[in-house]
């Protein structure tokens, strides 16, 4: 008769593989959401101008 439950060893292997896949998916999401260098330069330039003009106005 077949056991209704998997062995602890099989469960731990499955859990390890699941965690590996989960971390890989999270890493891909982070990389996909990270802006590229060009967007960073454009954002940094406009935000820097806003910050500097705001500081000058508030000074």
N, C-alpha and C. Protein backbone atom coordinates (compact mmCIF):
# COMPACT_ATOMS: atom_id res chain seq x y z
N UNK A 1 0.83 -1.18 0.00
CA UNK A 1 0.00 0.00 0.00
C UNK A 1 0.89 1.25 0.00
N UNK A 2 0.47 2.26 -0.75
CA UNK A 2 1.25 3.47 -0.88
C UNK A 2 0.98 4.41 0.30
N UNK A 3 2.04 5.06 0.77
CA UNK A 3 1.91 6.00 1.87
C UNK A 3 1.17 7.26 1.42
N UNK A 4 0.37 7.81 2.30
CA UNK A 4 -0.39 9.02 1.97
C UNK A 4 0.48 10.27 2.08
N UNK A 5 1.59 10.16 2.77
CA UNK A 5 2.45 11.32 3.00
C UNK A 5 3.80 11.11 2.34
N UNK A 6 4.41 12.21 1.91
CA UNK A 6 5.76 12.09 1.34
C UNK A 6 6.77 12.03 2.47
N UNK A 7 7.91 11.49 2.17
CA UNK A 7 8.95 11.39 3.19
C UNK A 7 9.48 12.78 3.53
N UNK A 8 10.09 12.89 4.68
CA UNK A 8 10.67 14.17 5.10
C UNK A 8 11.74 14.61 4.12
N UNK A 9 12.54 13.67 3.65
CA UNK A 9 13.61 13.98 2.70
C UNK A 9 13.03 14.56 1.40
N UNK A 10 11.97 13.94 0.91
CA UNK A 10 11.33 14.43 -0.32
C UNK A 10 10.73 15.81 -0.09
N UNK A 11 10.11 16.00 1.06
CA UNK A 11 9.53 17.30 1.38
C UNK A 11 10.61 18.39 1.44
N UNK A 12 11.73 18.09 2.09
CA UNK A 12 12.80 19.08 2.21
C UNK A 12 13.41 19.42 0.85
N UNK A 13 13.54 18.42 -0.03
CA UNK A 13 14.03 18.69 -1.39
C UNK A 13 13.06 19.60 -2.13
N UNK A 14 11.78 19.30 -2.01
CA UNK A 14 10.75 20.11 -2.66
C UNK A 14 10.74 21.53 -2.10
N UNK A 15 10.84 21.67 -0.80
CA UNK A 15 10.87 22.98 -0.16
C UNK A 15 12.10 23.78 -0.60
N UNK A 16 13.24 23.13 -0.68
CA UNK A 16 14.47 23.80 -1.11
C UNK A 16 14.33 24.30 -2.55
N UNK A 17 13.78 23.48 -3.42
CA UNK A 17 13.58 23.88 -4.82
C UNK A 17 12.58 25.03 -4.91
N UNK A 18 11.52 24.97 -4.11
CA UNK A 18 10.51 26.03 -4.10
C UNK A 18 11.14 27.37 -3.68
N UNK A 19 11.96 27.34 -2.62
CA UNK A 19 12.62 28.56 -2.16
C UNK A 19 13.57 29.11 -3.23
N UNK A 20 14.27 28.21 -3.90
CA UNK A 20 15.18 28.62 -4.97
C UNK A 20 14.41 29.33 -6.09
N UNK A 21 13.30 28.75 -6.51
CA UNK A 21 12.49 29.35 -7.57
C UNK A 21 11.88 30.68 -7.11
N UNK A 22 11.47 30.74 -5.86
CA UNK A 22 10.88 31.97 -5.32
C UNK A 22 11.90 33.11 -5.31
N UNK A 23 13.12 32.81 -4.87
CA UNK A 23 14.18 33.83 -4.86
C UNK A 23 14.53 34.27 -6.28
N UNK A 24 14.58 33.33 -7.20
CA UNK A 24 14.88 33.67 -8.60
C UNK A 24 13.79 34.58 -9.17
N UNK A 25 12.55 34.30 -8.87
CA UNK A 25 11.44 35.13 -9.35
C UNK A 25 11.52 36.53 -8.74
N UNK A 26 11.82 36.62 -7.45
CA UNK A 26 11.95 37.93 -6.81
C UNK A 26 13.09 38.72 -7.42
N UNK A 27 14.20 38.05 -7.69
CA UNK A 27 15.36 38.72 -8.29
C UNK A 27 15.00 39.25 -9.67
N UNK A 28 14.26 38.47 -10.45
CA UNK A 28 13.85 38.93 -11.78
C UNK A 28 12.90 40.11 -11.68
N UNK A 29 12.00 40.10 -10.69
CA UNK A 29 11.08 41.23 -10.51
C UNK A 29 11.85 42.49 -10.15
N UNK A 30 12.84 42.36 -9.29
CA UNK A 30 13.65 43.52 -8.89
C UNK A 30 14.39 44.07 -10.10
N UNK A 31 14.99 43.18 -10.90
CA UNK A 31 15.73 43.63 -12.08
C UNK A 31 14.79 44.26 -13.10
N UNK A 32 13.59 43.72 -13.23
CA UNK A 32 12.64 44.26 -14.20
C UNK A 32 12.14 45.64 -13.77
N UNK A 33 12.04 45.87 -12.47
CA UNK A 33 11.54 47.15 -11.97
C UNK A 33 12.64 48.19 -11.82
N UNK A 34 13.90 47.77 -11.92
CA UNK A 34 15.00 48.71 -11.76
C UNK A 34 15.10 49.57 -13.02
N UNK A 35 15.11 50.88 -12.88
CA UNK A 35 15.23 51.73 -14.06
C UNK A 35 16.61 51.61 -14.68
N UNK A 36 16.67 51.76 -15.99
CA UNK A 36 17.98 51.68 -16.64
C UNK A 36 18.75 52.97 -16.40
N UNK A 37 20.02 53.00 -16.79
CA UNK A 37 20.88 54.14 -16.50
C UNK A 37 20.38 55.43 -17.13
N UNK A 38 19.86 55.35 -18.32
CA UNK A 38 19.39 56.56 -19.01
C UNK A 38 18.23 57.19 -18.25
N UNK A 39 17.29 56.37 -17.82
CA UNK A 39 16.16 56.89 -17.06
C UNK A 39 16.62 57.48 -15.73
N UNK A 40 17.62 56.88 -15.12
CA UNK A 40 18.14 57.40 -13.86
C UNK A 40 18.73 58.79 -14.08
N UNK A 41 19.50 58.95 -15.16
CA UNK A 41 20.11 60.25 -15.44
C UNK A 41 19.05 61.30 -15.69
N UNK A 42 18.02 60.96 -16.45
CA UNK A 42 16.94 61.92 -16.74
C UNK A 42 16.21 62.27 -15.46
N UNK A 43 15.86 61.25 -14.66
CA UNK A 43 15.15 61.49 -13.41
C UNK A 43 16.02 62.30 -12.45
N UNK A 44 17.28 61.92 -12.34
CA UNK A 44 18.18 62.60 -11.42
C UNK A 44 18.36 64.05 -11.84
N UNK A 45 18.47 64.29 -13.13
CA UNK A 45 18.63 65.66 -13.61
C UNK A 45 17.44 66.52 -13.28
N UNK A 46 16.24 66.05 -13.57
CA UNK A 46 15.04 66.85 -13.31
C UNK A 46 14.78 66.99 -11.82
N UNK A 47 15.01 65.93 -11.06
CA UNK A 47 14.79 66.01 -9.62
C UNK A 47 15.83 66.90 -8.96
N UNK A 48 17.06 66.87 -9.47
CA UNK A 48 18.11 67.71 -8.93
C UNK A 48 17.78 69.18 -9.17
N UNK A 49 17.30 69.48 -10.36
CA UNK A 49 16.89 70.86 -10.67
C UNK A 49 15.76 71.27 -9.74
N UNK A 50 14.78 70.39 -9.54
CA UNK A 50 13.66 70.70 -8.64
C UNK A 50 14.16 70.91 -7.21
N UNK A 51 15.07 70.05 -6.77
CA UNK A 51 15.60 70.18 -5.42
C UNK A 51 16.35 71.48 -5.25
N UNK A 52 17.22 71.78 -6.21
CA UNK A 52 18.02 73.00 -6.11
C UNK A 52 17.14 74.24 -6.16
N UNK A 53 16.17 74.26 -7.04
CA UNK A 53 15.28 75.43 -7.13
C UNK A 53 14.44 75.54 -5.86
N UNK A 54 14.04 74.42 -5.31
CA UNK A 54 13.28 74.43 -4.06
C UNK A 54 14.11 74.93 -2.91
N UNK A 55 15.37 74.54 -2.84
CA UNK A 55 16.25 74.99 -1.77
C UNK A 55 16.54 76.48 -1.91
N UNK A 56 16.74 76.90 -3.14
CA UNK A 56 17.04 78.32 -3.36
C UNK A 56 15.83 79.16 -2.97
N UNK A 57 14.63 78.71 -3.37
CA UNK A 57 13.41 79.45 -3.05
C UNK A 57 13.17 79.50 -1.55
N UNK A 58 13.44 78.39 -0.86
CA UNK A 58 13.14 78.33 0.56
C UNK A 58 14.23 78.97 1.41
N UNK A 59 15.39 79.23 0.83
CA UNK A 59 16.50 79.82 1.59
C UNK A 59 16.26 81.27 1.90
